[in-house]
Amino acid sequence: MLKSLDFQERMGMVTRTISNAASDLWHFILLFLIVFIGYAIVGVLLFGHQFEGMKNLSSSCITLTILLLNFDTTQFFASMSHAADFAAFHIFLWSYLFIVFFILF
């Protein structure tokens, strides 16, 4: 698919760059998915019984994506903090934000 964009010089440079970085991109995507799905599963186990946004794996993934992109913890604080222990909630929330946002991005 990327070879079809080689007709223009600048687009060719972009496609060659993506082709050269493909193995690194696949490793990053794999690592990101492992960490993200791991946090989604832990979110379901910790908060799924009381928090609607973490009731199953798909809604947990959506909630974690919104949390990552929005970076507004107050939106989920009231609901999630009562669903689990205070320390577990904060460890989950801040470790997720730190690992996914600051390390993976």
Foldseek 3Di string as FASTA:
>chain_A
DQVVQCPDPVSVVVSVVCVVCVVVVVVLVVVLVVLLQVLLVVLCVQQLVFAVQNVDSVSSSVVLVCCQVVVDCVVCCVRRCVSHPNVVSVCSSVVSNCCVPVPSD
